[in-house]
C-alpha cells in the first residue's frame, strides 16, 4: 500500500494508506503506486483521484495548485487549497 497525505497550509486533510493516487501535475497527470521512484512536481488546479484498492472506483478531491513529493515514505501533496 502507498502512504498518502494531503496537506494544506491550514491543516492535514488526509493521511491514509491507499492503492494509487493520480495527481494533476503541471506537465500532465501522473499516477503514484507503492515503491514509486522519488519525484518532486508542481501541480495544477484539478482533481486528485484516490484509488483505495486495485480496480476500485476512485474518490476525487478538487485541489488548487501546490507541490507533490514522492519519497521513501510515500506521497505527500501540499495543496494551496482543497475545494471539494
N, C-alpha and C. Protein backbone atom coordinates (compact mmCIF):
# COMPACT_ATOMS: atom_id res chain seq x y z
N UNK A 1 0.84 -1.19 0.00
CA UNK A 1 0.00 0.00 0.00
C UNK A 1 0.88 1.25 0.00
N UNK A 2 0.35 2.30 -0.57
CA UNK A 2 1.02 3.60 -0.66
C UNK A 2 0.53 4.48 0.47
N UNK A 3 1.45 5.06 1.24
CA UNK A 3 1.03 6.02 2.27
C UNK A 3 0.83 7.38 1.59
N UNK A 4 -0.35 7.96 1.76
CA UNK A 4 -0.73 9.20 1.09
C UNK A 4 -1.15 10.25 2.12
N UNK A 5 -0.60 11.46 1.96
CA UNK A 5 -1.01 12.59 2.79
C UNK A 5 -1.35 13.77 1.91
N UNK A 6 -2.47 14.42 2.23
CA UNK A 6 -2.90 15.64 1.57
C UNK A 6 -2.90 16.73 2.62
N UNK A 7 -2.12 17.78 2.37
CA UNK A 7 -1.90 18.84 3.35
C UNK A 7 -2.17 20.19 2.71
N UNK A 8 -2.82 21.10 3.45
CA UNK A 8 -2.96 22.49 3.04
C UNK A 8 -2.23 23.34 4.07
N UNK A 9 -2.05 24.63 3.81
CA UNK A 9 -1.40 25.48 4.82
C UNK A 9 -2.15 25.48 6.17
N UNK A 10 -3.45 25.20 6.14
CA UNK A 10 -4.26 25.24 7.36
C UNK A 10 -4.29 23.94 8.14
N UNK A 11 -4.21 22.79 7.41
CA UNK A 11 -4.42 21.52 8.13
C UNK A 11 -4.00 20.31 7.32
N UNK A 12 -3.92 19.19 8.01
CA UNK A 12 -3.74 17.89 7.38
C UNK A 12 -5.13 17.41 6.98
N UNK A 13 -5.37 17.26 5.68
CA UNK A 13 -6.69 16.89 5.18
C UNK A 13 -6.87 15.37 5.18
N UNK A 14 -5.84 14.64 4.74
CA UNK A 14 -5.89 13.18 4.67
C UNK A 14 -4.55 12.59 5.04
N UNK A 15 -4.57 11.44 5.67
CA UNK A 15 -3.38 10.64 5.92
C UNK A 15 -3.85 9.20 5.98
N UNK A 16 -3.57 8.44 4.91
CA UNK A 16 -4.09 7.08 4.83
C UNK A 16 -3.26 6.24 3.86
N UNK A 17 -3.45 4.95 3.94
CA UNK A 17 -2.81 4.02 3.01
C UNK A 17 -3.80 3.69 1.91
N UNK A 18 -3.36 3.83 0.66
CA UNK A 18 -4.22 3.61 -0.50
C UNK A 18 -3.47 2.79 -1.54
N UNK A 19 -4.17 2.37 -2.59
CA UNK A 19 -3.53 1.62 -3.66
C UNK A 19 -2.78 2.54 -4.62
N UNK A 20 -3.45 3.63 -5.07
CA UNK A 20 -2.84 4.54 -6.04
C UNK A 20 -3.51 5.90 -5.96
N UNK A 21 -2.73 6.95 -6.29
CA UNK A 21 -3.25 8.31 -6.41
C UNK A 21 -2.82 8.85 -7.77
N UNK A 22 -3.75 9.47 -8.50
CA UNK A 22 -3.43 10.15 -9.75
C UNK A 22 -3.45 11.64 -9.45
N UNK A 23 -2.33 12.30 -9.73
CA UNK A 23 -2.09 13.70 -9.38
C UNK A 23 -2.13 14.58 -10.63
N UNK A 24 -2.78 15.75 -10.58
CA UNK A 24 -2.79 16.66 -11.72
C UNK A 24 -1.50 17.50 -11.77
N UNK A 25 -0.45 16.94 -12.34
CA UNK A 25 0.82 17.65 -12.44
C UNK A 25 0.77 18.74 -13.50
N UNK A 26 1.64 19.72 -13.40
CA UNK A 26 1.66 20.80 -14.40
C UNK A 26 2.08 20.29 -15.77
N UNK A 27 2.81 19.19 -15.83
CA UNK A 27 3.22 18.60 -17.11
C UNK A 27 2.27 17.49 -17.54
N UNK A 28 1.20 17.27 -16.80
CA UNK A 28 0.24 16.21 -17.10
C UNK A 28 -0.03 15.37 -15.87
N UNK A 29 -1.12 14.62 -15.91
CA UNK A 29 -1.47 13.76 -14.78
C UNK A 29 -0.45 12.63 -14.65
N UNK A 30 -0.19 12.23 -13.39
CA UNK A 30 0.69 11.07 -13.18
C UNK A 30 0.17 10.25 -12.02
N UNK A 31 0.31 8.94 -12.16
CA UNK A 31 -0.13 8.01 -11.12
C UNK A 31 1.02 7.60 -10.23
N UNK A 32 0.72 7.45 -8.95
CA UNK A 32 1.74 7.04 -7.98
C UNK A 32 1.26 5.78 -7.28
N UNK A 33 2.07 4.74 -7.38
CA UNK A 33 1.84 3.47 -6.70
C UNK A 33 2.91 3.28 -5.63
N UNK A 34 2.73 2.27 -4.80
CA UNK A 34 3.75 1.92 -3.80
C UNK A 34 5.08 1.68 -4.50
N UNK A 35 6.17 2.10 -3.87
CA UNK A 35 7.54 1.94 -4.38
C UNK A 35 7.85 2.77 -5.62
N UNK A 36 7.11 3.85 -5.83
CA UNK A 36 7.37 4.75 -6.96
C UNK A 36 8.74 5.41 -6.75
N UNK A 37 9.41 5.71 -7.83
CA UNK A 37 10.71 6.41 -7.75
C UNK A 37 10.50 7.79 -7.13
N UNK A 38 11.48 8.30 -6.39
CA UNK A 38 11.37 9.64 -5.81
C UNK A 38 11.09 10.68 -6.90
N UNK A 39 10.24 11.64 -6.57
CA UNK A 39 9.79 12.62 -7.55
C UNK A 39 9.31 13.86 -6.83
N UNK A 40 9.56 15.01 -7.45
CA UNK A 40 9.03 16.29 -6.97
C UNK A 40 8.37 16.95 -8.17
N UNK A 41 7.13 17.45 -8.03
CA UNK A 41 6.42 18.06 -9.14
C UNK A 41 5.52 19.18 -8.65
N UNK A 42 5.39 20.22 -9.46
CA UNK A 42 4.35 21.21 -9.19
C UNK A 42 3.03 20.62 -9.69
N UNK A 43 1.94 21.07 -9.09
CA UNK A 43 0.63 20.59 -9.50
C UNK A 43 -0.25 21.75 -9.91
N UNK A 44 -1.16 21.46 -10.82
CA UNK A 44 -2.09 22.48 -11.30
C UNK A 44 -3.45 22.28 -10.62
N UNK A 45 -4.32 23.24 -10.76
CA UNK A 45 -5.68 23.09 -10.27
C UNK A 45 -6.30 21.88 -10.98
N UNK A 46 -6.93 21.03 -10.23
CA UNK A 46 -7.54 19.84 -10.82
C UNK A 46 -8.02 18.90 -9.75
N UNK A 47 -8.21 17.65 -10.12
CA UNK A 47 -8.73 16.65 -9.20
C UNK A 47 -7.71 15.55 -8.94
N UNK A 48 -7.52 15.26 -7.65
CA UNK A 48 -6.78 14.06 -7.25
C UNK A 48 -7.74 12.90 -7.38
N UNK A 49 -7.29 11.79 -7.91
CA UNK A 49 -8.10 10.57 -7.95
C UNK A 49 -7.45 9.56 -7.01
N UNK A 50 -8.18 9.15 -5.99
CA UNK A 50 -7.65 8.27 -4.96
C UNK A 50 -8.31 6.90 -5.09
N UNK A 51 -7.48 5.89 -5.37
CA UNK A 51 -7.96 4.52 -5.51
C UNK A 51 -7.60 3.78 -4.22
N UNK A 52 -8.60 3.38 -3.46
CA UNK A 52 -8.34 2.69 -2.19
C UNK A 52 -7.81 1.27 -2.43
N UNK A 53 -8.31 0.60 -3.48
CA UNK A 53 -7.85 -0.74 -3.82
C UNK A 53 -7.72 -0.84 -5.34
N UNK A 54 -6.99 -1.83 -5.80
CA UNK A 54 -6.82 -2.02 -7.24
C UNK A 54 -8.17 -2.29 -7.88
N UNK A 55 -8.48 -1.55 -8.96
CA UNK A 55 -9.72 -1.74 -9.67
C UNK A 55 -10.93 -1.03 -9.08
N UNK A 56 -10.75 -0.34 -7.96
CA UNK A 56 -11.89 0.34 -7.33
C UNK A 56 -12.22 1.64 -8.06
N UNK A 57 -13.40 2.15 -7.83
CA UNK A 57 -13.80 3.44 -8.38
C UNK A 57 -13.09 4.51 -7.56
N UNK A 58 -12.44 5.49 -8.22
CA UNK A 58 -11.68 6.48 -7.46
C UNK A 58 -12.58 7.51 -6.76
N UNK A 59 -12.09 7.95 -5.62
CA UNK A 59 -12.66 9.12 -4.94
C UNK A 59 -11.90 10.32 -5.48
N UNK A 60 -12.58 11.40 -5.80
CA UNK A 60 -11.89 12.58 -6.31
C UNK A 60 -11.99 13.73 -5.32
N UNK A 61 -10.90 14.48 -5.24
CA UNK A 61 -10.84 15.67 -4.38
C UNK A 61 -10.29 16.80 -5.23
N UNK A 62 -11.00 17.91 -5.29
CA UNK A 62 -10.57 19.07 -6.08
C UNK A 62 -9.52 19.84 -5.28
N UNK A 63 -8.37 20.11 -5.92
CA UNK A 63 -7.30 20.86 -5.27
C UNK A 63 -6.90 22.04 -6.14
N UNK A 64 -6.23 22.99 -5.52
CA UNK A 64 -5.72 24.16 -6.23
C UNK A 64 -4.23 24.29 -5.98
N UNK A 65 -3.44 24.18 -7.06
CA UNK A 65 -2.01 24.42 -7.02
C UNK A 65 -1.24 23.71 -5.93
N UNK A 66 0.08 23.88 -5.95
CA UNK A 66 0.92 23.33 -4.91
C UNK A 66 2.02 22.44 -5.45
N UNK A 67 2.42 21.47 -4.65
CA UNK A 67 3.51 20.56 -4.96
C UNK A 67 3.15 19.14 -4.57
N UNK A 68 3.78 18.19 -5.23
CA UNK A 68 3.67 16.78 -4.85
C UNK A 68 5.07 16.23 -4.68
N UNK A 69 5.27 15.44 -3.64
CA UNK A 69 6.57 14.82 -3.40
C UNK A 69 6.36 13.33 -3.14
N UNK A 70 7.09 12.52 -3.90
CA UNK A 70 7.13 11.08 -3.66
C UNK A 70 8.50 10.79 -3.06
N UNK A 71 8.50 10.12 -1.90
CA UNK A 71 9.76 9.77 -1.25
C UNK A 71 9.66 8.35 -0.70
N UNK A 72 10.60 7.95 0.09
CA UNK A 72 10.62 6.60 0.64
C UNK A 72 9.45 6.28 1.55
N UNK A 73 8.80 7.30 2.07
CA UNK A 73 7.67 7.11 2.97
C UNK A 73 6.36 6.98 2.20
N UNK A 74 6.24 7.69 1.06
CA UNK A 74 5.00 7.66 0.28
C UNK A 74 4.84 8.94 -0.53
N UNK A 75 3.59 9.37 -0.67
CA UNK A 75 3.24 10.55 -1.45
C UNK A 75 2.68 11.63 -0.53
N UNK A 76 3.23 12.84 -0.64
CA UNK A 76 2.69 13.99 0.07
C UNK A 76 2.29 15.02 -0.96
N UNK A 77 1.03 15.46 -0.93
CA UNK A 77 0.54 16.51 -1.78
C UNK A 77 0.34 17.74 -0.90
N UNK A 78 1.09 18.80 -1.22
CA UNK A 78 0.98 20.08 -0.49
C UNK A 78 0.17 21.01 -1.38
N UNK A 79 -1.12 21.09 -1.13
CA UNK A 79 -2.03 21.87 -1.97
C UNK A 79 -2.25 23.26 -1.36
N UNK A 80 -2.37 24.26 -2.23
CA UNK A 80 -2.69 25.60 -1.76
C UNK A 80 -4.08 25.63 -1.14
N UNK A 81 -5.01 24.88 -1.71
CA UNK A 81 -6.38 24.80 -1.19
C UNK A 81 -7.04 23.51 -1.65
N UNK A 82 -7.98 23.02 -0.83
CA UNK A 82 -8.83 21.90 -1.19
C UNK A 82 -10.24 22.46 -1.27
N UNK A 83 -10.88 22.30 -2.43
CA UNK A 83 -12.18 22.93 -2.64
C UNK A 83 -13.32 21.92 -2.79
N UNK A 84 -13.01 20.67 -2.64
CA UNK A 84 -14.08 19.69 -2.81
C UNK A 84 -13.89 18.50 -1.93
